[in-house]
Amino acid sequence: MFSSLWLLILSVIRYGPFFIAFVSNNNSSFPKPLSVKDEEMYLLLAQQGDTDAKNKLVEHNLRLVAHITKKYTQAPGADSDDLISIGTVGLIKAINSFDTQKNARLATYAARCIENEILMYMRASKKIQQEISLHECLGHDSDGNEITFIDILTAEDEDVAAKADTNMNIRKLRRYIEETLTDRERKIILMRYGLSGKPFTQRLIAQKMGISRSYVSRIEKKALKKLMHRFASENA
C-alpha cells in the first residue's frame, strides 16, 4: 500500500504554483469568503481552465482551511503550519472536482475534502498512531458524529484503477526527486514530507541542518517548483 505522505507531495506538485507560494509564505491572514455570485462566476471560469479563477477560489476559502485545522492542532505531533498546508491540498482537490450542477455551496463540499485530507495525513503519521488511542476523538463529521482513528483505519480502500494510476505517478515522482533535485533540496523534501521516515516541520529541519527556517522554506519552494515543472513537461 502506498504512503499517504507520497500522495501529499504528489498533490502539492500536481495542483499548482499557488499552493507552493502559499506554503512558503506561511500567510496567516486570509481574505474574506466570496459572495455567492462571485463564487459561481469563478467556479465557471475555473472549470474552463482559468488558473487565476482557481487561485482566487483557493485564496478566499483559506479561512475554511484554518477553521477546520484548529480542532486537530492539539493532537500529539501535530504542527499547525503542516495541517494548514495539508488542508489546502484538500481545498484544491475540492475546487477541481466540485460539481456546479448540484445544489450546494463550495464550502460545504470543500469542508469534507479538507477534513479527509487531514485525516489521511494523520493516519499516515506513525508517531500519532502510536501515541493516540484508536478510540480517541479526533473531531466530528458534518452530522456531529465523533471521528476516531479506528474509523479511519477501517475505511474502505479506494478504487483499484485509481490506486494503480496513483502508484504509477508516485514511481515517477521518486525518479524525479532523484534526477531533478540537488542533494540539499532532496534532503529537505524527503524530511519535510516524511518520504524516508516521519515528516519534519520546517523549524525542525532548520535546527537539524543549522540554517534558518526561512531558508528551508525557500529551498522547499524551489524544489517543489522544479518537480512541478518536470512533472508537467513529461506528463502533458
Protein backbone atom coordinates (compact mmCIF):
# COMPACT_ATOMS: atom_id res chain seq x y z
CA MET A 1 0.00 0.00 0.00
CA PHE A 2 1.44 3.39 -0.96
CA SER A 3 2.01 6.06 1.69
CA SER A 4 -0.36 8.98 2.14
CA LEU A 5 2.74 11.13 2.55
CA TRP A 6 3.72 10.39 -1.06
CA LEU A 7 0.16 11.33 -2.01
CA LEU A 8 0.58 14.62 -0.19
CA ILE A 9 3.66 15.74 -2.12
CA LEU A 10 2.17 14.40 -5.37
CA SER A 11 -0.87 16.59 -4.76
CA VAL A 12 1.33 19.60 -3.99
CA ILE A 13 3.14 19.20 -7.31
CA ARG A 14 0.10 18.44 -9.43
CA TYR A 15 -2.19 21.16 -8.07
CA GLY A 16 -0.14 24.18 -8.95
CA PRO A 17 2.11 27.08 -8.06
CA PHE A 18 -0.41 28.96 -5.90
CA PHE A 19 -0.23 26.26 -3.23
CA ILE A 20 3.57 26.35 -3.26
CA ALA A 21 3.60 30.12 -2.87
CA PHE A 22 1.10 29.93 -0.02
CA VAL A 23 3.05 27.30 1.90
CA SER A 24 6.33 29.16 1.54
CA ASN A 25 4.86 32.44 2.74
CA ASN A 26 3.17 30.89 5.82
CA ASN A 27 0.47 33.51 5.48
CA SER A 28 -1.92 33.64 8.45
CA SER A 29 -4.13 36.48 7.15
CA PHE A 30 -6.88 35.15 4.92
CA PRO A 31 -9.27 37.08 2.63
CA LYS A 32 -13.00 37.05 3.33
CA PRO A 33 -15.21 34.42 1.61
CA LEU A 34 -16.61 35.26 -1.82
CA SER A 35 -20.22 36.25 -2.37
CA VAL A 36 -22.50 33.61 -3.90
CA LYS A 37 -22.48 35.46 -7.22
CA ASP A 38 -18.69 35.83 -7.35
CA GLU A 39 -18.16 32.22 -6.30
CA GLU A 40 -20.40 30.99 -9.12
CA MET A 41 -18.52 33.16 -11.61
CA TYR A 42 -15.08 31.96 -10.53
CA LEU A 43 -16.19 28.33 -10.45
CA LEU A 44 -17.42 28.61 -14.02
CA LEU A 45 -14.14 30.21 -15.14
CA ALA A 46 -12.10 27.61 -13.23
CA GLN A 47 -13.93 24.78 -14.98
CA GLN A 48 -12.98 26.40 -18.28
CA GLY A 49 -9.32 26.20 -17.32
CA ASP A 50 -8.81 29.70 -15.91
CA THR A 51 -5.92 29.36 -13.45
CA ASP A 52 -6.42 32.83 -11.97
CA ALA A 53 -10.03 31.98 -11.15
CA LYS A 54 -8.95 28.76 -9.45
CA ASN A 55 -6.35 30.64 -7.42
CA LYS A 56 -8.99 33.18 -6.39
CA LEU A 57 -11.24 30.38 -5.13
CA VAL A 58 -8.38 28.89 -3.13
CA GLU A 59 -7.38 32.25 -1.68
CA HIS A 60 -10.88 33.13 -0.50
CA ASN A 61 -11.50 29.74 1.10
CA LEU A 62 -8.33 29.58 3.19
CA ARG A 63 -10.31 30.75 6.23
CA LEU A 64 -12.25 27.49 5.96
CA VAL A 65 -9.00 25.51 5.96
CA ALA A 66 -7.76 27.36 9.04
CA HIS A 67 -11.07 26.83 10.84
CA ILE A 68 -11.12 23.08 10.20
CA THR A 69 -7.48 22.52 11.14
CA LYS A 70 -7.92 24.18 14.55
CA LYS A 71 -9.58 21.13 16.08
CA TYR A 72 -6.65 18.89 15.12
CA THR A 73 -3.78 21.06 16.37
CA GLN A 74 -3.89 19.56 19.87
CA ALA A 75 -3.07 16.05 18.62
CA PRO A 76 0.44 14.87 19.62
CA GLY A 77 2.97 15.70 16.93
CA ALA A 78 0.59 17.99 15.03
CA ASP A 79 2.01 21.20 13.56
CA SER A 80 -0.41 23.98 12.62
CA ASP A 81 1.58 25.05 9.54
CA ASP A 82 1.69 21.46 8.26
CA LEU A 83 -2.04 20.96 8.85
CA ILE A 84 -2.84 24.21 7.01
CA SER A 85 -0.69 23.03 4.09
CA ILE A 86 -2.36 19.61 4.01
CA GLY A 87 -5.82 21.12 4.37
CA THR A 88 -5.08 23.40 1.43
CA VAL A 89 -4.38 20.33 -0.73
CA GLY A 90 -7.86 19.12 0.19
CA LEU A 91 -9.32 22.51 -0.74
CA ILE A 92 -7.65 22.46 -4.16
CA LYS A 93 -8.93 18.94 -4.80
CA ALA A 94 -12.42 20.12 -3.86
CA ILE A 95 -12.26 23.03 -6.31
CA ASN A 96 -11.04 20.73 -9.08
CA SER A 97 -13.79 18.16 -8.54
CA PHE A 98 -16.74 20.34 -7.45
CA ASP A 99 -19.95 19.79 -9.43
CA THR A 100 -21.65 23.13 -10.02
CA GLN A 101 -24.83 21.34 -11.14
CA LYS A 102 -25.53 20.20 -7.60
CA ASN A 103 -27.50 22.49 -5.31
CA ALA A 104 -24.71 23.06 -2.77
CA ARG A 105 -22.12 25.66 -1.85
CA LEU A 106 -18.46 25.00 -2.49
CA ALA A 107 -17.66 25.43 1.22
CA THR A 108 -19.92 22.54 2.19
CA TYR A 109 -18.21 20.17 -0.23
CA ALA A 110 -14.73 21.56 0.43
CA ALA A 111 -15.05 21.12 4.20
CA ARG A 112 -15.34 17.36 3.82
CA CYS A 113 -12.41 17.23 1.34
CA ILE A 114 -10.22 19.30 3.66
CA GLU A 115 -11.05 17.13 6.64
CA ASN A 116 -10.46 13.92 4.69
CA GLU A 117 -7.02 15.13 3.59
CA ILE A 118 -6.04 15.98 7.16
CA LEU A 119 -7.30 12.65 8.49
CA MET A 120 -5.40 10.71 5.80
CA TYR A 121 -2.23 12.56 6.78
CA MET A 122 -2.78 11.81 10.46
CA ARG A 123 -3.44 8.18 9.61
CA ALA A 124 -0.07 8.02 7.88
CA SER A 125 1.80 9.56 10.79
CA LYS A 126 3.31 6.69 12.75
CA LYS A 127 4.08 8.93 15.68
CA ILE A 128 0.46 9.98 16.10
CA GLN A 129 -0.85 6.46 15.58
CA GLN A 130 1.43 5.19 18.35
CA GLU A 131 0.57 7.92 20.85
CA ILE A 132 -3.19 8.32 20.36
CA SER A 133 -5.76 5.77 21.39
CA LEU A 134 -7.57 4.25 18.43
CA HIS A 135 -10.83 5.25 20.09
CA GLU A 136 -9.84 8.85 20.94
CA CYS A 137 -12.00 11.50 19.28
CA LEU A 138 -10.20 13.46 16.54
CA GLY A 139 -13.17 15.64 15.63
CA HIS A 140 -16.71 15.44 14.33
CA ASP A 141 -18.24 14.96 10.91
CA SER A 142 -20.91 17.22 9.39
CA ASP A 143 -23.62 15.28 11.27
CA GLY A 144 -21.95 15.76 14.63
CA ASN A 145 -20.68 12.18 14.90
CA GLU A 146 -17.28 11.58 16.50
CA ILE A 147 -14.39 10.61 14.20
CA THR A 148 -11.78 8.29 15.74
CA PHE A 149 -8.66 6.62 14.42
CA ILE A 150 -10.44 3.29 14.30
CA ASP A 151 -12.93 4.87 11.85
CA ILE A 152 -10.09 5.93 9.57
CA LEU A 153 -8.15 2.69 9.78
CA THR A 154 -11.20 0.63 8.81
CA ALA A 155 -12.18 2.84 5.87
CA GLU A 156 -12.60 1.09 2.53
CA ASP A 157 -9.75 1.13 0.03
CA GLU A 158 -10.04 3.45 -2.95
CA ASP A 159 -10.88 2.29 -6.46
CA VAL A 160 -8.32 -0.19 -7.83
CA ALA A 161 -7.82 1.68 -11.13
CA ALA A 162 -7.30 4.98 -9.34
CA LYS A 163 -4.83 3.32 -6.98
CA ALA A 164 -2.86 1.88 -9.90
CA ASP A 165 -2.67 5.30 -11.55
CA THR A 166 -1.51 6.90 -8.32
CA ASN A 167 1.14 4.21 -7.80
CA MET A 168 2.49 4.91 -11.28
CA ASN A 169 2.70 8.65 -10.56
CA ILE A 170 4.42 8.01 -7.24
CA ARG A 171 7.07 5.90 -9.02
CA LYS A 172 7.62 8.79 -11.43
CA LEU A 173 7.88 11.21 -8.52
CA ARG A 174 10.52 9.07 -6.80
CA ARG A 175 12.59 9.15 -10.01
CA TYR A 176 12.10 12.90 -10.49
CA ILE A 177 13.27 13.59 -6.94
CA GLU A 178 16.49 11.66 -7.58
CA GLU A 179 17.15 13.10 -11.04
CA THR A 180 15.99 16.72 -10.68
CA LEU A 181 16.91 17.96 -7.21
CA THR A 182 20.25 18.88 -5.66
CA ASP A 183 21.42 16.94 -2.60
CA ARG A 184 20.22 19.65 -0.21
CA GLU A 185 16.86 20.05 -1.96
CA ARG A 186 16.35 16.29 -1.96
CA LYS A 187 17.18 16.02 1.74
CA ILE A 188 14.76 18.79 2.69
CA ILE A 189 11.91 17.39 0.58
CA LEU A 190 12.41 13.87 1.99
CA MET A 191 12.43 15.18 5.55
CA ARG A 192 9.65 17.71 5.09
CA TYR A 193 7.15 15.22 3.67
CA GLY A 194 8.30 12.17 5.62
CA LEU A 195 9.29 10.28 2.48
CA SER A 196 12.10 8.43 4.25
CA GLY A 197 10.64 8.32 7.75
CA LYS A 198 8.42 10.65 9.77
CA PRO A 199 7.67 14.17 8.45
CA PHE A 200 9.50 17.15 9.97
CA THR A 201 8.36 20.75 10.31
CA GLN A 202 10.43 23.48 8.68
CA ARG A 203 11.56 24.53 12.16
CA LEU A 204 12.95 21.09 13.00
CA ILE A 205 14.65 20.78 9.62
CA ALA A 206 16.29 24.17 10.17
CA GLN A 207 17.62 23.03 13.54
CA LYS A 208 18.98 19.77 12.17
CA MET A 209 20.69 21.45 9.20
CA GLY A 210 21.91 24.53 11.05
CA ILE A 211 20.11 27.01 8.79
CA SER A 212 17.19 29.40 9.22
CA ARG A 213 13.58 28.35 8.84
CA SER A 214 13.09 30.95 6.10
CA TYR A 215 15.98 29.41 4.16
CA VAL A 216 14.40 25.96 4.49
CA SER A 217 11.15 27.45 3.16
CA ARG A 218 12.93 28.97 0.14
CA ILE A 219 14.69 25.69 -0.67
CA GLU A 220 11.45 23.74 -0.32
CA LYS A 221 9.64 26.17 -2.63
CA LYS A 222 12.41 25.96 -5.24
CA ALA A 223 12.49 22.16 -5.10
CA LEU A 224 8.71 21.86 -5.44
CA LYS A 225 8.76 24.17 -8.45
CA LYS A 226 11.44 22.01 -10.08
CA LEU A 227 9.38 18.88 -9.51
CA MET A 228 6.21 20.56 -10.69
CA HIS A 229 7.86 21.67 -13.96
CA ARG A 230 9.38 18.22 -14.52
CA PHE A 231 6.06 16.53 -13.87
CA ALA A 232 4.21 18.95 -16.16
CA SER A 233 6.72 18.64 -19.02
CA GLU A 234 6.78 14.83 -19.04
CA ASN A 235 3.12 14.20 -18.30
CA ALA A 236 1.44 16.76 -20.54
